[in-house]
N, C-alpha and C. Protein backbone atom coordinates (compact mmCIF):
# COMPACT_ATOMS: atom_id res chain seq x y z
N MET A 1 -21.64 -0.84 28.63
CA MET A 1 -21.89 -1.40 27.78
C MET A 1 -20.77 -1.02 26.60
N ALA A 2 -21.11 0.76 26.73
CA ALA A 2 -19.93 1.89 26.20
C ALA A 2 -18.83 1.45 26.66
N LYS A 3 -18.11 1.38 27.69
CA LYS A 3 -17.05 0.98 28.60
C LYS A 3 -16.47 -0.07 27.57
N MET A 4 -17.19 -1.29 27.64
CA MET A 4 -16.15 -2.89 26.38
C MET A 4 -16.31 -2.08 25.31
N ARG A 5 -17.20 -0.87 24.51
CA ARG A 5 -16.46 -1.11 23.43
C ARG A 5 -15.62 0.19 23.41
N ASN A 6 -14.92 1.23 24.18
CA ASN A 6 -13.98 2.22 24.02
C ASN A 6 -12.53 1.26 24.37
N SER A 7 -12.65 0.51 25.18
CA SER A 7 -11.68 -0.72 25.69
C SER A 7 -11.50 -1.72 24.41
N ARG A 8 -12.27 -2.48 23.59
CA ARG A 8 -12.05 -2.49 22.98
C ARG A 8 -11.29 -1.88 21.39
N ARG A 9 -11.48 -0.13 21.18
CA ARG A 9 -11.14 0.28 20.60
C ARG A 9 -9.97 0.78 20.95
N ARG A 10 -9.12 1.05 22.32
CA ARG A 10 -7.88 1.67 22.14
C ARG A 10 -6.98 0.16 22.17
N GLU A 11 -7.62 -1.18 21.99
CA GLU A 11 -7.07 -2.65 22.29
C GLU A 11 -6.37 -2.32 20.50
N GLU A 12 -7.58 -2.16 19.21
CA GLU A 12 -6.65 -2.15 18.68
C GLU A 12 -5.94 -1.05 18.00
N GLU A 13 -5.70 0.01 18.36
CA GLU A 13 -5.49 0.98 18.04
C GLU A 13 -3.89 1.04 18.68
N ASP A 14 -3.40 -0.29 19.59
CA ASP A 14 -2.11 -0.40 20.64
C ASP A 14 -1.43 -0.95 19.65
N SER A 15 -2.80 -2.02 18.72
CA SER A 15 -2.24 -3.56 18.20
C SER A 15 -1.28 -3.24 17.36
N GLY A 16 -0.47 -2.17 16.85
CA GLY A 16 0.67 -1.65 16.45
C GLY A 16 0.26 -1.91 14.48
N PHE A 17 -0.88 -1.67 14.53
CA PHE A 17 -1.39 -1.94 12.96
C PHE A 17 -1.21 -0.03 12.01
N ILE A 18 -0.81 -0.07 10.93
CA ILE A 18 -0.58 1.29 11.31
C ILE A 18 -2.50 1.81 9.97
N GLU A 19 -3.36 2.16 10.22
CA GLU A 19 -4.66 2.09 9.09
C GLU A 19 -4.61 3.88 8.74
N LYS A 20 -4.97 3.90 7.42
CA LYS A 20 -5.48 5.61 6.57
C LYS A 20 -6.09 4.92 5.31
N THR A 21 -6.84 5.88 6.08
CA THR A 21 -8.38 6.36 5.59
C THR A 21 -8.14 7.30 3.58
N ILE A 22 -7.85 5.87 2.45
CA ILE A 22 -7.32 6.74 1.11
C ILE A 22 -8.71 7.26 0.34
N HIS A 23 -9.24 6.95 0.95
CA HIS A 23 -10.52 7.72 -0.18
C HIS A 23 -12.10 7.89 0.69
N ILE A 24 -12.76 8.74 0.66
CA ILE A 24 -14.30 8.45 1.42
C ILE A 24 -15.13 9.09 -0.24
N ASN A 25 -15.91 8.52 -0.61
CA ASN A 25 -16.86 8.60 -1.97
C ASN A 25 -18.77 8.65 -0.90
N ARG A 26 -19.06 10.08 -1.31
CA ARG A 26 -20.85 9.43 -1.47
C ARG A 26 -21.52 9.36 -2.30
N VAL A 27 -22.34 8.62 -2.37
CA VAL A 27 -22.98 8.01 -2.97
C VAL A 27 -24.68 8.54 -2.47
N SER A 28 -25.58 8.55 -4.00
CA SER A 28 -26.73 8.92 -3.23
C SER A 28 -27.82 8.41 -3.84
N LYS A 29 -28.98 8.14 -4.08
CA LYS A 29 -29.92 7.25 -4.88
C LYS A 29 -30.79 8.19 -4.95
N VAL A 30 -31.81 8.40 -5.25
CA VAL A 30 -33.38 9.30 -5.76
C VAL A 30 -34.11 8.47 -5.30
N VAL A 31 -34.83 8.53 -4.44
CA VAL A 31 -36.04 7.74 -3.75
C VAL A 31 -36.86 8.59 -3.99
N LYS A 32 -38.30 8.23 -3.77
CA LYS A 32 -39.19 8.65 -3.80
C LYS A 32 -39.73 10.16 -2.73
N GLY A 33 -38.58 9.68 -1.46
CA GLY A 33 -39.43 11.11 -0.39
C GLY A 33 -37.65 12.06 -0.77
N GLY A 34 -36.87 11.91 -1.65
CA GLY A 34 -35.90 12.36 -1.47
C GLY A 34 -34.97 11.80 -1.82
N ARG A 35 -33.50 12.37 -1.67
CA ARG A 35 -32.38 11.34 -2.11
C ARG A 35 -31.25 10.41 -0.59
N ARG A 36 -31.30 9.66 -0.62
CA ARG A 36 -30.69 8.52 0.09
C ARG A 36 -29.01 8.18 0.18
N PHE A 37 -28.44 8.47 0.99
CA PHE A 37 -27.00 8.95 0.91
C PHE A 37 -26.31 7.65 2.17
N ASN A 38 -25.50 6.89 0.75
CA ASN A 38 -24.65 5.79 1.22
C ASN A 38 -23.23 6.55 1.27
N PHE A 39 -22.52 5.61 2.47
CA PHE A 39 -20.88 6.08 1.34
C PHE A 39 -20.00 4.80 2.24
N THR A 40 -18.72 5.55 0.97
CA THR A 40 -17.71 4.44 1.20
C THR A 40 -16.09 4.41 0.96
N ALA A 41 -15.67 3.66 1.49
CA ALA A 41 -14.43 4.31 2.18
C ALA A 41 -13.38 2.93 1.84
N ILE A 42 -11.77 3.23 0.78
CA ILE A 42 -10.74 2.67 0.83
C ILE A 42 -9.67 3.09 1.92
N VAL A 43 -9.50 1.77 1.87
CA VAL A 43 -8.64 1.93 3.72
C VAL A 43 -7.82 0.61 3.47
N VAL A 44 -6.81 1.63 3.64
CA VAL A 44 -5.24 1.07 3.43
C VAL A 44 -4.53 0.09 5.32
N SER A 45 -4.71 -0.60 5.54
CA SER A 45 -3.56 -1.15 6.53
C SER A 45 -2.45 -2.04 6.60
N GLY A 46 -1.46 -1.88 7.37
CA GLY A 46 -0.18 -2.70 7.27
C GLY A 46 0.40 -2.77 8.38
N ASP A 47 1.35 -3.26 8.72
CA ASP A 47 2.47 -3.27 10.43
C ASP A 47 3.29 -2.73 10.00
N GLY A 48 3.56 -1.75 9.05
CA GLY A 48 4.95 -1.22 8.57
C GLY A 48 6.68 -2.36 8.53
N GLN A 49 6.25 -3.04 8.61
CA GLN A 49 7.36 -4.31 8.80
C GLN A 49 7.35 -5.25 7.27
N GLY A 50 6.32 -5.01 6.69
CA GLY A 50 6.70 -5.69 5.00
C GLY A 50 4.93 -6.42 4.77
N LYS A 51 4.10 -6.61 5.50
CA LYS A 51 2.54 -6.68 5.51
C LYS A 51 1.46 -5.26 5.81
N VAL A 52 0.82 -5.55 3.91
CA VAL A 52 0.01 -4.66 3.79
C VAL A 52 -1.73 -4.89 3.19
N GLY A 53 -2.37 -4.29 3.54
CA GLY A 53 -3.37 -4.62 2.96
C GLY A 53 -4.42 -3.62 2.50
N VAL A 54 -5.56 -3.49 1.48
CA VAL A 54 -6.19 -3.03 1.52
C VAL A 54 -7.40 -3.13 1.49
N GLY A 55 -8.55 -2.72 1.85
CA GLY A 55 -10.44 -2.84 2.13
C GLY A 55 -10.61 -2.12 1.50
N TYR A 56 -12.35 -2.31 0.36
CA TYR A 56 -13.54 -1.37 0.82
C TYR A 56 -14.43 -1.82 1.54
N GLY A 57 -14.76 -0.46 2.04
CA GLY A 57 -15.93 -0.19 2.77
C GLY A 57 -17.32 -0.02 2.71
N LYS A 58 -18.73 -0.17 2.48
CA LYS A 58 -19.71 0.39 2.30
C LYS A 58 -20.86 0.82 3.26
N ALA A 59 -21.38 1.67 3.67
CA ALA A 59 -22.43 1.98 4.76
C ALA A 59 -22.80 3.14 5.17
N ASN A 60 -24.13 3.25 5.50
CA ASN A 60 -25.15 4.51 5.46
C ASN A 60 -24.22 5.69 6.59
N GLU A 61 -23.00 5.09 7.45
CA GLU A 61 -22.46 6.07 8.10
C GLU A 61 -21.09 6.18 7.65
N VAL A 62 -20.27 7.16 7.28
CA VAL A 62 -18.74 7.44 7.13
C VAL A 62 -18.25 6.37 8.65
N PRO A 63 -18.21 6.43 9.71
CA PRO A 63 -17.32 5.62 10.11
C PRO A 63 -17.41 4.26 10.37
N GLU A 64 -18.83 3.81 10.07
CA GLU A 64 -18.77 2.57 10.46
C GLU A 64 -18.46 1.88 8.93
N ALA A 65 -18.45 2.64 7.30
CA ALA A 65 -17.55 2.32 6.40
C ALA A 65 -15.78 1.89 5.85
N ILE A 66 -15.34 2.90 7.32
CA ILE A 66 -14.10 3.23 7.73
C ILE A 66 -13.94 1.59 8.49
N ARG A 67 -14.97 1.40 9.48
CA ARG A 67 -14.62 0.32 9.96
C ARG A 67 -14.90 -0.79 9.43
N LYS A 68 -15.70 -1.09 8.71
CA LYS A 68 -15.66 -2.05 7.23
C LYS A 68 -14.36 -2.38 6.65
N GLY A 69 -13.58 -1.36 6.56
CA GLY A 69 -12.56 -0.94 4.92
C GLY A 69 -11.65 -1.92 5.89
N THR A 70 -11.67 -1.63 7.41
CA THR A 70 -10.46 -1.91 8.20
C THR A 70 -10.24 -3.21 8.55
N GLU A 71 -11.15 -3.25 8.47
CA GLU A 71 -11.62 -5.13 8.68
C GLU A 71 -11.18 -5.66 7.48
N LYS A 72 -12.06 -5.32 6.36
CA LYS A 72 -11.20 -6.10 4.83
C LYS A 72 -9.43 -5.81 4.64
N ALA A 73 -8.94 -4.95 5.04
CA ALA A 73 -8.26 -4.53 4.69
C ALA A 73 -6.75 -5.36 5.93
N ARG A 74 -7.40 -5.64 7.02
CA ARG A 74 -6.96 -6.83 7.66
C ARG A 74 -6.97 -8.11 7.54
N ARG A 75 -7.93 -8.40 6.90
CA ARG A 75 -8.27 -9.85 7.05
C ARG A 75 -7.60 -9.88 5.60
N GLY A 76 -6.87 -9.26 4.24
CA GLY A 76 -6.30 -9.39 3.07
C GLY A 76 -5.43 -9.08 2.66
N GLN A 77 -4.04 -9.32 4.28
CA GLN A 77 -2.76 -8.53 4.25
C GLN A 77 -2.04 -9.68 3.07
N VAL A 78 -0.45 -9.07 2.79
CA VAL A 78 -0.15 -9.30 1.45
C VAL A 78 1.61 -9.19 2.41
N GLU A 79 2.13 -9.86 2.34
CA GLU A 79 3.50 -10.28 2.64
C GLU A 79 3.95 -9.42 1.23
N VAL A 80 5.30 -8.10 1.23
CA VAL A 80 6.00 -7.60 0.56
C VAL A 80 7.26 -7.52 0.63
N PRO A 81 9.00 -7.63 -0.32
CA PRO A 81 10.20 -7.98 0.51
C PRO A 81 10.19 -6.29 0.64
N ILE A 82 10.88 -5.54 1.51
CA ILE A 82 11.87 -4.74 1.64
C ILE A 82 12.79 -5.31 2.59
N VAL A 83 13.82 -4.31 1.00
CA VAL A 83 15.57 -3.79 1.45
C VAL A 83 15.73 -2.83 1.74
N ASP A 84 16.60 -2.70 2.56
CA ASP A 84 17.20 -1.24 3.27
C ASP A 84 16.06 -0.06 3.16
N GLY A 85 15.01 -0.55 3.17
CA GLY A 85 13.95 0.74 3.90
C GLY A 85 13.17 1.13 1.80
N THR A 86 13.67 0.50 0.83
CA THR A 86 13.18 0.65 -0.09
C THR A 86 13.10 -0.66 -0.71
N VAL A 87 11.89 -0.64 -1.88
CA VAL A 87 11.86 -1.90 -3.14
C VAL A 87 12.86 -2.41 -3.24
N PRO A 88 13.29 -3.81 -3.81
CA PRO A 88 14.25 -4.36 -3.80
C PRO A 88 14.50 -4.14 -5.77
N HIS A 89 13.46 -3.24 -6.89
CA HIS A 89 13.83 -3.14 -7.70
C HIS A 89 13.01 -2.20 -8.44
N PHE A 90 12.90 -2.02 -10.06
CA PHE A 90 11.91 -1.42 -10.24
C PHE A 90 10.68 -1.88 -10.97
N VAL A 91 9.59 -1.76 -11.00
CA VAL A 91 8.40 -2.43 -11.69
C VAL A 91 7.56 -1.81 -11.59
N ILE A 92 6.71 -1.80 -12.44
CA ILE A 92 5.39 -1.50 -12.68
C ILE A 92 4.42 -1.80 -12.71
N GLY A 93 3.71 -1.30 -12.10
CA GLY A 93 2.25 -2.13 -11.56
C GLY A 93 0.71 -1.16 -12.99
N GLU A 94 0.33 -2.16 -13.06
CA GLU A 94 -0.68 -1.83 -13.93
C GLU A 94 -2.30 -2.40 -13.85
N PHE A 95 -3.85 -1.91 -13.64
CA PHE A 95 -4.78 -2.06 -13.11
C PHE A 95 -5.94 -0.95 -14.29
N GLY A 96 -6.08 -1.46 -14.89
CA GLY A 96 -7.02 -0.36 -15.76
C GLY A 96 -6.42 0.93 -16.69
N ALA A 97 -6.74 1.53 -16.74
CA ALA A 97 -5.88 2.65 -17.32
C ALA A 97 -5.17 3.31 -16.21
N ALA A 98 -4.82 2.81 -14.88
CA ALA A 98 -3.66 3.71 -14.45
C ALA A 98 -2.09 2.25 -14.53
N ARG A 99 -1.72 2.84 -14.08
CA ARG A 99 0.28 2.17 -14.72
C ARG A 99 0.63 3.13 -13.26
N VAL A 100 1.11 2.08 -12.34
CA VAL A 100 2.63 2.85 -11.26
C VAL A 100 3.53 2.52 -11.36
N ILE A 101 4.60 3.68 -11.38
CA ILE A 101 5.58 3.33 -11.43
C ILE A 101 6.10 3.10 -10.50
N ILE A 102 7.26 2.01 -10.08
CA ILE A 102 8.00 1.86 -8.42
C ILE A 102 9.74 2.12 -8.55
N ARG A 103 10.36 2.63 -7.68
CA ARG A 103 11.59 2.75 -8.12
C ARG A 103 12.25 2.76 -6.75
N PRO A 104 13.38 1.66 -6.54
CA PRO A 104 14.17 1.96 -5.26
C PRO A 104 15.03 3.46 -5.72
N ALA A 105 15.04 3.85 -4.26
CA ALA A 105 15.80 4.81 -3.93
C ALA A 105 17.14 5.11 -3.21
N SER A 106 17.61 5.90 -2.92
CA SER A 106 18.85 5.83 -2.32
C SER A 106 18.68 6.10 -0.87
N PRO A 107 18.93 5.28 0.38
CA PRO A 107 19.22 6.34 1.79
C PRO A 107 18.87 7.79 1.75
N GLY A 108 17.86 8.29 2.48
CA GLY A 108 17.27 9.67 2.68
C GLY A 108 16.75 10.32 1.76
N THR A 109 15.80 9.75 0.95
CA THR A 109 14.61 10.20 -0.16
C THR A 109 14.42 10.69 0.42
N GLY A 110 13.06 9.65 1.07
CA GLY A 110 11.74 8.98 0.98
C GLY A 110 11.07 8.64 0.79
N VAL A 111 9.54 8.92 0.80
CA VAL A 111 8.68 8.69 0.21
C VAL A 111 7.49 9.25 -0.69
N ILE A 112 8.43 9.32 -2.17
CA ILE A 112 8.04 10.28 -3.20
C ILE A 112 6.98 9.65 -3.88
N ALA A 113 5.27 9.88 -3.56
CA ALA A 113 4.49 9.80 -4.04
C ALA A 113 3.34 10.42 -3.95
N SER A 114 2.21 10.30 -4.87
CA SER A 114 0.97 10.49 -4.47
C SER A 114 0.33 10.02 -3.58
N SER A 115 -0.92 10.78 -3.26
CA SER A 115 -1.58 10.67 -1.36
C SER A 115 -1.95 9.12 -1.42
N ALA A 116 -2.30 8.22 -2.73
CA ALA A 116 -2.59 6.85 -2.19
C ALA A 116 -1.58 6.25 -2.04
N VAL A 117 -0.90 6.16 -3.12
CA VAL A 117 0.17 5.66 -3.08
C VAL A 117 1.01 5.31 -1.85
N ARG A 118 1.56 6.86 -1.76
CA ARG A 118 2.11 6.91 -0.35
C ARG A 118 2.08 6.36 0.64
N SER A 119 0.34 5.74 1.19
CA SER A 119 -0.91 5.66 2.37
C SER A 119 -0.30 4.04 2.13
N ILE A 120 -0.38 3.99 1.17
CA ILE A 120 0.29 2.29 0.35
C ILE A 120 1.79 1.01 0.86
N LEU A 121 2.25 2.94 0.20
CA LEU A 121 3.68 2.18 0.81
C LEU A 121 4.00 3.08 2.62
N ASP A 122 3.75 3.94 2.94
CA ASP A 122 3.55 4.35 4.33
C ASP A 122 3.08 2.87 5.11
N ALA A 123 2.21 1.91 4.78
CA ALA A 123 1.84 1.73 5.78
C ALA A 123 3.02 0.11 5.73
N ALA A 124 3.33 -0.39 4.60
CA ALA A 124 3.91 -1.78 3.82
C ALA A 124 5.37 -1.22 5.43
N GLY A 125 6.05 -0.26 4.92
CA GLY A 125 6.96 0.03 5.80
C GLY A 125 8.25 0.50 5.40
N TYR A 126 7.79 1.28 3.58
CA TYR A 126 8.71 1.67 2.81
C TYR A 126 9.57 3.24 3.49
N HIS A 127 10.80 2.90 3.37
CA HIS A 127 11.29 4.56 3.99
C HIS A 127 11.52 5.27 2.75
N ASN A 128 12.27 4.63 1.31
CA ASN A 128 12.71 5.64 0.60
C ASN A 128 12.62 4.95 -1.09
N VAL A 129 11.00 5.60 -1.10
CA VAL A 129 10.98 5.18 -2.52
C VAL A 129 10.52 5.63 -3.45
N LEU A 130 10.66 6.02 -4.96
CA LEU A 130 9.79 7.08 -5.82
C LEU A 130 8.77 6.73 -6.90
N THR A 131 8.27 7.12 -7.16
CA THR A 131 7.10 6.40 -7.76
C THR A 131 6.29 7.27 -8.61
N LYS A 132 5.60 7.11 -9.55
CA LYS A 132 4.85 7.97 -10.63
C LYS A 132 3.43 7.03 -11.12
N VAL A 133 2.58 8.06 -11.01
CA VAL A 133 1.06 7.20 -11.58
C VAL A 133 1.07 8.43 -12.87
N VAL A 134 0.63 6.95 -13.66
CA VAL A 134 0.75 7.74 -14.96
C VAL A 134 -1.02 6.85 -15.63
N GLY A 135 -1.93 7.73 -16.26
CA GLY A 135 -3.16 6.79 -16.87
C GLY A 135 -4.09 7.93 -16.20
N THR A 136 -4.35 7.45 -14.89
CA THR A 136 -5.01 8.35 -14.09
C THR A 136 -5.12 8.39 -12.82
N ASN A 137 -5.72 9.03 -12.24
CA ASN A 137 -5.84 9.33 -10.95
C ASN A 137 -6.07 9.18 -9.83
N ASN A 138 -7.87 7.96 -10.40
CA ASN A 138 -8.76 7.39 -10.13
C ASN A 138 -8.67 6.32 -9.33
N PRO A 139 -9.01 6.68 -7.43
CA PRO A 139 -8.28 5.77 -6.30
C PRO A 139 -8.37 4.01 -6.53
N HIS A 140 -9.68 4.06 -6.98
CA HIS A 140 -9.83 2.61 -7.17
C HIS A 140 -8.70 1.56 -7.87
N ASN A 141 -8.58 2.84 -9.29
CA ASN A 141 -7.66 1.96 -9.96
C ASN A 141 -5.92 2.69 -9.81
N VAL A 142 -5.79 3.26 -8.95
CA VAL A 142 -4.47 3.72 -8.22
C VAL A 142 -3.82 2.63 -7.31
N VAL A 143 -5.08 2.21 -6.29
CA VAL A 143 -5.10 1.31 -5.68
C VAL A 143 -4.77 -0.17 -5.76
N ARG A 144 -5.38 -0.57 -6.90
CA ARG A 144 -5.70 -1.68 -7.46
C ARG A 144 -3.65 -2.13 -8.76
N ALA A 145 -3.42 -1.13 -8.59
CA ALA A 145 -2.44 -0.96 -9.51
C ALA A 145 -1.00 -1.12 -8.58
N VAL A 146 -0.59 -0.39 -7.51
CA VAL A 146 0.62 -0.04 -7.36
C VAL A 146 -0.44 -1.88 -6.42
N PHE A 147 -0.92 -2.49 -5.73
CA PHE A 147 -1.05 -3.78 -5.33
C PHE A 147 -0.11 -4.75 -6.20
N ASN A 148 -0.48 -4.29 -7.78
CA ASN A 148 -0.10 -5.20 -8.48
C ASN A 148 1.08 -5.08 -9.18
N ALA A 149 1.93 -3.69 -8.63
CA ALA A 149 3.24 -4.35 -8.67
C ALA A 149 3.86 -4.61 -7.27
N LEU A 150 3.50 -4.66 -6.00
CA LEU A 150 4.26 -5.15 -4.72
C LEU A 150 3.58 -6.14 -4.97
N GLU A 151 2.68 -7.00 -5.96
CA GLU A 151 3.11 -8.43 -6.03
C GLU A 151 3.66 -9.02 -6.66
N GLN A 152 4.80 -7.82 -7.61
CA GLN A 152 5.40 -8.25 -8.79
C GLN A 152 7.07 -8.65 -8.45
N LEU A 153 7.28 -7.92 -7.07
CA LEU A 153 8.46 -7.20 -6.34
C LEU A 153 9.12 -9.02 -5.67
N GLU A 154 9.78 -9.29 -6.39
CA GLU A 154 10.72 -10.73 -4.98
C GLU A 154 11.71 -10.00 -4.19
N SER A 155 11.66 -11.05 -3.98
CA SER A 155 13.50 -10.43 -2.34
C SER A 155 14.22 -10.80 -2.86
N PRO A 156 15.21 -10.34 -2.79
CA PRO A 156 17.50 -11.14 -3.29
C PRO A 156 16.74 -12.85 -3.13
N GLU A 157 16.28 -13.14 -1.88
CA GLU A 157 16.43 -14.53 -1.62
C GLU A 157 16.15 -15.31 -2.39
N GLN A 158 14.48 -14.46 -3.04
CA GLN A 158 13.65 -15.39 -4.09
C GLN A 158 14.17 -15.00 -5.27
N TYR A 159 15.23 -14.06 -5.64
CA TYR A 159 15.72 -14.12 -7.46
C TYR A 159 16.51 -14.90 -6.67
N ALA A 160 17.30 -15.32 -5.99
CA ALA A 160 18.54 -16.37 -6.22
C ALA A 160 18.19 -17.49 -6.34
N VAL A 161 17.37 -18.11 -6.07
CA VAL A 161 16.83 -19.23 -6.34
C VAL A 161 16.15 -19.31 -6.94
N ARG A 162 15.33 -17.81 -7.62
CA ARG A 162 14.84 -18.46 -9.50
C ARG A 162 16.17 -18.52 -10.59
N THR A 163 16.97 -18.15 -9.93
CA THR A 163 17.99 -17.95 -11.03
C THR A 163 19.16 -19.17 -10.10
N GLY A 164 19.15 -18.98 -9.43
CA GLY A 164 20.12 -20.19 -9.15
C GLY A 164 21.40 -20.00 -8.51
N ARG A 165 21.30 -18.79 -8.59
CA ARG A 165 22.99 -17.99 -8.17
C ARG A 165 23.14 -17.76 -6.15
N SER A 166 23.64 -17.72 -5.70
CA SER A 166 24.10 -18.25 -4.33
C SER A 166 23.70 -16.53 -3.59
N LEU A 167 23.19 -16.47 -2.64
CA LEU A 167 22.50 -14.88 -2.53
C LEU A 167 24.08 -13.66 -1.77
N ASP A 168 25.36 -14.25 -1.47
CA ASP A 168 26.10 -13.41 -1.15
C ASP A 168 26.94 -13.05 -2.63
N GLU A 169 26.25 -13.74 -4.00
CA GLU A 169 26.81 -13.17 -5.31
C GLU A 169 25.18 -12.13 -5.51
N VAL A 170 24.45 -12.29 -5.38
CA VAL A 170 22.93 -11.42 -5.82
C VAL A 170 23.44 -9.91 -4.90
N MET A 171 24.23 -10.33 -3.78
CA MET A 171 23.70 -9.30 -3.22
C MET A 171 25.16 -8.55 -2.91
N GLY A 172 25.95 -8.71 -3.92
CA GLY A 172 27.85 -8.25 -4.35
C GLY A 172 27.47 -7.16 -5.25
N ASN A 173 26.61 -7.41 -5.97
CA ASN A 173 25.65 -6.86 -7.43
C ASN A 173 25.01 -5.86 -6.41
N TYR A 174 24.58 -5.35 -5.66
CA TYR A 174 23.39 -4.77 -5.46
C TYR A 174 23.32 -3.60 -4.24
N ASN A 175 23.76 -2.11 -5.09
CA ASN A 175 23.79 -1.26 -4.63
C ASN A 175 22.91 -0.27 -5.00
N VAL A 176 21.69 0.51 -4.19
CA VAL A 176 20.85 1.13 -4.48
C VAL A 176 21.53 2.38 -4.70
N GLY A 177 22.04 2.99 -4.51
CA GLY A 177 23.01 4.59 -5.01
C GLY A 177 23.12 4.52 -6.78
N ALA A 178 24.73 3.56 -6.86
CA ALA A 178 24.98 3.17 -7.71
C ALA A 178 24.22 2.24 -8.52
N HIS A 179 24.03 0.99 -8.29
CA HIS A 179 24.20 -0.08 -9.30
C HIS A 179 22.66 0.70 -10.06
N VAL A 180 21.51 0.88 -9.41
CA VAL A 180 19.77 1.39 -9.17
C VAL A 180 20.13 2.63 -10.63
N TRP A 181 20.99 3.35 -10.33
CA TRP A 181 21.11 4.41 -11.49
C TRP A 181 21.97 4.37 -12.07
N LYS A 182 22.49 3.99 -11.78
CA LYS A 182 24.01 3.90 -12.98
C LYS A 182 24.50 5.10 -12.64
N THR A 183 25.00 5.48 -11.60
CA THR A 183 25.72 6.74 -11.58
C THR A 183 26.60 6.53 -10.64
N GLY A 184 28.16 7.73 -10.90
CA GLY A 184 29.13 6.97 -10.28
C GLY A 184 29.77 6.23 -10.15
N ALA A 185 30.54 5.65 -9.20
CA ALA A 185 31.55 4.73 -8.47
C ALA A 185 30.93 3.17 -9.47
């Protein structure tokens, strides 16, 4: 039976998903005999090619909480657009007191972000992004604000359809280095 469990775990690791634990919290409940501890975990899972999800798991032990969070993250994945390794356009995501600003960056910049935001963007497959978290650094609200921002993103194809222009016309104006930052050329 133990061999079966280990082989299943190896298959999950080789499945190509990027899984990162964002936050683990210990919750205590005072009962007659003392304290009873439970654990919660926020886990992000993505394929590194535009699909990402987040899950929240609760259990009596940390590994079990992480496992539950991972399963929920895999089930709730959403697709996000990636253009040249970055986000297609500037976007602000909000949830509660948290505001997350996400900007496209030129190639070679890397992911400039806090640990929670970086985990999500890495799992999604972004390589060059600038971000700023404003308001609160509560990981629950920051994660939801990031997903709010990612839901607002639209690919150049979606933008072309929405505005009734051709894709060549839209992409002719798109240059991350000069167009987004209004510098140089």
